[in-house]
N, C-alpha and C. Protein backbone atom coordinates (compact mmCIF):
# COMPACT_ATOMS: atom_id res chain seq x y z
N MET A 1 5.77 12.21 -9.29
CA MET A 1 4.70 12.25 -10.24
C MET A 1 5.11 13.17 -11.36
N LYS A 2 4.87 12.75 -12.59
CA LYS A 2 5.21 13.55 -13.75
C LYS A 2 3.94 13.87 -14.53
N VAL A 3 3.93 15.08 -15.09
CA VAL A 3 2.82 15.49 -15.95
C VAL A 3 3.41 15.99 -17.27
N PHE A 4 2.72 15.70 -18.34
CA PHE A 4 3.22 16.02 -19.67
C PHE A 4 2.23 16.87 -20.43
N GLY A 5 2.70 17.43 -21.54
CA GLY A 5 1.83 18.19 -22.44
C GLY A 5 1.23 19.40 -21.74
N GLY A 6 -0.02 19.71 -22.08
CA GLY A 6 -0.71 20.85 -21.53
C GLY A 6 -0.94 20.76 -20.04
N LEU A 7 -0.83 19.56 -19.48
CA LEU A 7 -1.01 19.41 -18.04
C LEU A 7 0.06 20.16 -17.25
N ARG A 8 1.23 20.32 -17.87
CA ARG A 8 2.31 21.05 -17.20
C ARG A 8 1.89 22.48 -16.88
N ASP A 9 1.07 23.06 -17.77
CA ASP A 9 0.60 24.43 -17.53
C ASP A 9 -0.25 24.50 -16.27
N SER A 10 -1.07 23.49 -16.03
CA SER A 10 -1.91 23.46 -14.83
C SER A 10 -1.09 23.29 -13.57
N ALA A 11 0.02 22.56 -13.67
CA ALA A 11 0.86 22.28 -12.50
C ALA A 11 1.96 23.31 -12.31
N ASP A 12 2.25 24.09 -13.34
CA ASP A 12 3.37 25.04 -13.33
C ASP A 12 4.72 24.36 -13.20
N ARG A 13 4.76 23.06 -13.47
CA ARG A 13 6.02 22.32 -13.46
C ARG A 13 5.77 20.95 -14.09
N SER A 14 6.83 20.23 -14.38
CA SER A 14 6.67 18.93 -15.04
C SER A 14 6.70 17.75 -14.08
N SER A 15 7.14 17.99 -12.83
CA SER A 15 7.12 16.89 -11.87
C SER A 15 6.80 17.42 -10.48
N LEU A 16 6.16 16.56 -9.70
CA LEU A 16 5.77 16.89 -8.33
C LEU A 16 6.08 15.71 -7.43
N ARG A 17 6.40 15.99 -6.20
CA ARG A 17 6.54 14.93 -5.19
C ARG A 17 5.33 15.03 -4.28
N VAL A 18 4.61 13.93 -4.18
CA VAL A 18 3.41 13.90 -3.35
C VAL A 18 3.59 12.79 -2.32
N PRO A 19 3.71 13.14 -1.03
CA PRO A 19 3.85 12.10 -0.02
C PRO A 19 2.54 11.31 0.10
N ILE A 20 2.68 9.99 0.18
CA ILE A 20 1.50 9.13 0.30
C ILE A 20 1.68 8.18 1.47
N ARG A 21 0.56 7.62 1.92
CA ARG A 21 0.57 6.60 2.97
C ARG A 21 0.40 5.24 2.33
N ALA A 22 0.69 4.21 3.09
CA ALA A 22 0.48 2.85 2.61
C ALA A 22 -0.98 2.68 2.23
N GLY A 23 -1.23 2.05 1.10
CA GLY A 23 -2.59 1.79 0.65
C GLY A 23 -3.20 2.88 -0.20
N THR A 24 -2.45 3.97 -0.44
CA THR A 24 -2.95 5.05 -1.29
C THR A 24 -3.15 4.54 -2.71
N THR A 25 -4.28 4.89 -3.30
CA THR A 25 -4.57 4.48 -4.68
C THR A 25 -4.39 5.67 -5.63
N VAL A 26 -4.49 5.39 -6.90
CA VAL A 26 -4.43 6.46 -7.91
C VAL A 26 -5.56 7.46 -7.63
N ASN A 27 -6.76 6.97 -7.32
CA ASN A 27 -7.87 7.88 -7.01
C ASN A 27 -7.58 8.71 -5.78
N ASP A 28 -6.95 8.11 -4.76
CA ASP A 28 -6.57 8.86 -3.56
C ASP A 28 -5.56 9.96 -3.91
N LEU A 29 -4.64 9.64 -4.80
CA LEU A 29 -3.64 10.62 -5.23
C LEU A 29 -4.34 11.83 -5.85
N LEU A 30 -5.35 11.58 -6.66
CA LEU A 30 -6.10 12.70 -7.26
C LEU A 30 -6.77 13.54 -6.18
N SER A 31 -7.29 12.90 -5.15
CA SER A 31 -7.91 13.64 -4.04
C SER A 31 -6.88 14.48 -3.31
N LEU A 32 -5.69 13.95 -3.10
CA LEU A 32 -4.62 14.72 -2.47
C LEU A 32 -4.25 15.94 -3.31
N LEU A 33 -4.26 15.77 -4.62
CA LEU A 33 -3.90 16.87 -5.51
C LEU A 33 -4.96 17.97 -5.50
N GLU A 34 -6.21 17.63 -5.20
CA GLU A 34 -7.26 18.65 -5.15
C GLU A 34 -6.94 19.72 -4.13
N ILE A 35 -6.20 19.35 -3.09
CA ILE A 35 -5.83 20.31 -2.04
C ILE A 35 -4.59 21.10 -2.47
N ALA A 36 -3.55 20.40 -2.92
CA ALA A 36 -2.28 21.04 -3.23
C ALA A 36 -2.23 21.69 -4.61
N GLN A 37 -2.91 21.09 -5.58
CA GLN A 37 -2.85 21.55 -6.97
C GLN A 37 -4.26 21.46 -7.59
N PRO A 38 -5.20 22.32 -7.17
CA PRO A 38 -6.58 22.18 -7.64
C PRO A 38 -6.76 22.28 -9.15
N ALA A 39 -6.03 23.16 -9.81
CA ALA A 39 -6.16 23.28 -11.27
C ALA A 39 -5.68 22.00 -11.96
N LEU A 40 -4.59 21.46 -11.48
CA LEU A 40 -4.07 20.22 -12.04
C LEU A 40 -5.04 19.07 -11.79
N ALA A 41 -5.54 18.95 -10.57
CA ALA A 41 -6.48 17.88 -10.23
C ALA A 41 -7.71 17.94 -11.12
N ASP A 42 -8.22 19.15 -11.36
CA ASP A 42 -9.39 19.31 -12.22
C ASP A 42 -9.08 18.85 -13.64
N ALA A 43 -7.93 19.25 -14.16
CA ALA A 43 -7.54 18.85 -15.52
C ALA A 43 -7.36 17.33 -15.61
N LEU A 44 -6.77 16.73 -14.58
CA LEU A 44 -6.58 15.28 -14.58
C LEU A 44 -7.91 14.54 -14.53
N ARG A 45 -8.79 14.96 -13.65
CA ARG A 45 -10.10 14.30 -13.55
C ARG A 45 -10.88 14.44 -14.85
N ARG A 46 -10.83 15.62 -15.45
CA ARG A 46 -11.53 15.83 -16.72
C ARG A 46 -10.95 14.93 -17.81
N GLY A 47 -9.63 14.85 -17.88
CA GLY A 47 -8.99 14.00 -18.87
C GLY A 47 -9.29 12.53 -18.68
N LEU A 48 -9.33 12.10 -17.43
CA LEU A 48 -9.64 10.70 -17.14
C LEU A 48 -11.10 10.38 -17.45
N SER A 49 -12.01 11.29 -17.09
CA SER A 49 -13.43 11.02 -17.33
C SER A 49 -13.76 11.04 -18.83
N GLU A 50 -13.03 11.84 -19.59
CA GLU A 50 -13.27 11.92 -21.03
C GLU A 50 -12.47 10.87 -21.80
N GLY A 51 -11.62 10.13 -21.10
CA GLY A 51 -10.91 9.01 -21.70
C GLY A 51 -9.70 9.35 -22.56
N TYR A 52 -9.20 10.58 -22.47
CA TYR A 52 -8.04 10.92 -23.29
C TYR A 52 -6.73 11.01 -22.51
N LEU A 53 -6.73 10.58 -21.28
CA LEU A 53 -5.54 10.67 -20.45
C LEU A 53 -5.14 9.28 -19.97
N ASN A 54 -3.86 8.98 -20.04
CA ASN A 54 -3.33 7.72 -19.53
C ASN A 54 -2.59 7.96 -18.23
N VAL A 55 -2.75 7.03 -17.29
CA VAL A 55 -2.02 7.07 -16.03
C VAL A 55 -1.05 5.90 -16.05
N LEU A 56 0.23 6.19 -15.93
CA LEU A 56 1.24 5.14 -15.89
C LEU A 56 1.79 5.04 -14.48
N VAL A 57 1.85 3.83 -13.97
CA VAL A 57 2.44 3.57 -12.65
C VAL A 57 3.65 2.68 -12.91
N ASN A 58 4.82 3.24 -12.65
CA ASN A 58 6.08 2.54 -12.93
C ASN A 58 6.12 2.05 -14.38
N GLY A 59 5.64 2.90 -15.28
CA GLY A 59 5.70 2.60 -16.71
C GLY A 59 4.59 1.71 -17.23
N ARG A 60 3.68 1.26 -16.36
CA ARG A 60 2.58 0.39 -16.79
C ARG A 60 1.28 1.17 -16.74
N ASN A 61 0.49 1.06 -17.79
CA ASN A 61 -0.78 1.77 -17.86
C ASN A 61 -1.71 1.24 -16.76
N ALA A 62 -2.18 2.14 -15.90
CA ALA A 62 -3.06 1.75 -14.79
C ALA A 62 -4.34 1.11 -15.29
N ARG A 63 -4.73 1.43 -16.51
CA ARG A 63 -5.94 0.84 -17.09
C ARG A 63 -5.82 -0.68 -17.16
N PHE A 64 -4.59 -1.17 -17.33
CA PHE A 64 -4.36 -2.60 -17.42
C PHE A 64 -3.97 -3.22 -16.08
N LEU A 65 -3.92 -2.39 -15.05
CA LEU A 65 -3.70 -2.87 -13.68
C LEU A 65 -5.10 -2.92 -13.04
N THR A 66 -5.37 -2.04 -12.10
CA THR A 66 -6.72 -1.99 -11.53
C THR A 66 -7.30 -0.58 -11.62
N GLY A 67 -6.87 0.18 -12.63
CA GLY A 67 -7.41 1.52 -12.86
C GLY A 67 -7.15 2.44 -11.69
N GLY A 68 -8.17 3.22 -11.33
CA GLY A 68 -8.05 4.16 -10.23
C GLY A 68 -7.84 3.50 -8.88
N ALA A 69 -8.14 2.20 -8.80
CA ALA A 69 -7.95 1.46 -7.55
C ALA A 69 -6.54 0.90 -7.41
N THR A 70 -5.68 1.17 -8.39
CA THR A 70 -4.29 0.71 -8.33
C THR A 70 -3.61 1.29 -7.09
N VAL A 71 -3.08 0.42 -6.26
CA VAL A 71 -2.43 0.83 -5.01
C VAL A 71 -0.99 1.26 -5.32
N LEU A 72 -0.62 2.39 -4.75
CA LEU A 72 0.72 2.95 -4.94
C LEU A 72 1.58 2.66 -3.73
N ALA A 73 2.87 2.58 -3.96
CA ALA A 73 3.84 2.41 -2.88
C ALA A 73 4.78 3.62 -2.90
N ASP A 74 5.38 3.90 -1.76
CA ASP A 74 6.34 4.98 -1.67
C ASP A 74 7.43 4.75 -2.71
N GLY A 75 7.72 5.77 -3.48
CA GLY A 75 8.75 5.67 -4.50
C GLY A 75 8.24 5.29 -5.88
N ASP A 76 6.95 4.93 -6.00
CA ASP A 76 6.40 4.62 -7.32
C ASP A 76 6.45 5.86 -8.20
N ALA A 77 6.71 5.64 -9.47
CA ALA A 77 6.68 6.73 -10.44
C ALA A 77 5.31 6.72 -11.10
N VAL A 78 4.58 7.82 -10.94
CA VAL A 78 3.26 7.97 -11.53
C VAL A 78 3.35 9.08 -12.57
N ALA A 79 2.87 8.79 -13.77
CA ALA A 79 2.89 9.78 -14.84
C ALA A 79 1.49 9.90 -15.44
N PHE A 80 1.07 11.12 -15.69
CA PHE A 80 -0.19 11.40 -16.35
C PHE A 80 0.17 11.88 -17.75
N LEU A 81 -0.26 11.12 -18.73
CA LEU A 81 0.22 11.30 -20.09
C LEU A 81 -0.94 11.43 -21.07
N PRO A 82 -1.08 12.60 -21.70
CA PRO A 82 -2.10 12.70 -22.74
C PRO A 82 -1.65 11.90 -23.96
N PRO A 83 -2.60 11.50 -24.81
CA PRO A 83 -2.21 10.73 -25.98
C PRO A 83 -1.27 11.55 -26.87
N ILE A 84 -0.39 10.85 -27.54
CA ILE A 84 0.57 11.49 -28.42
C ILE A 84 0.32 11.01 -29.83
N GLY A 85 0.20 11.94 -30.73
CA GLY A 85 -0.02 11.58 -32.13
C GLY A 85 1.16 12.01 -32.96
N GLY A 86 1.23 11.51 -34.11
CA GLY A 86 2.31 11.90 -34.99
C GLY A 86 2.18 11.16 -36.31
N GLY A 87 3.06 11.44 -37.15
CA GLY A 87 2.97 10.77 -38.42
C GLY A 87 4.21 10.91 -39.23
């Protein structure tokens, strides 16, 4: 799992390995993080509820898959990405 931008401050690192079981969803992953990384989980939930955070599963936006119900498999790359602006 990778985190970018200000989320790295909540995690104290840019990537984490989170063991999952078969059938784990993006929402389940957030619940697992509440135990191991509570500050990060809070920031992620806040970002998702406010609509400014994207979740990518293997490079595909989960919003265009099944959102928080997207099922993960062992080895999937999950990234939490705040919007990026520029000009």
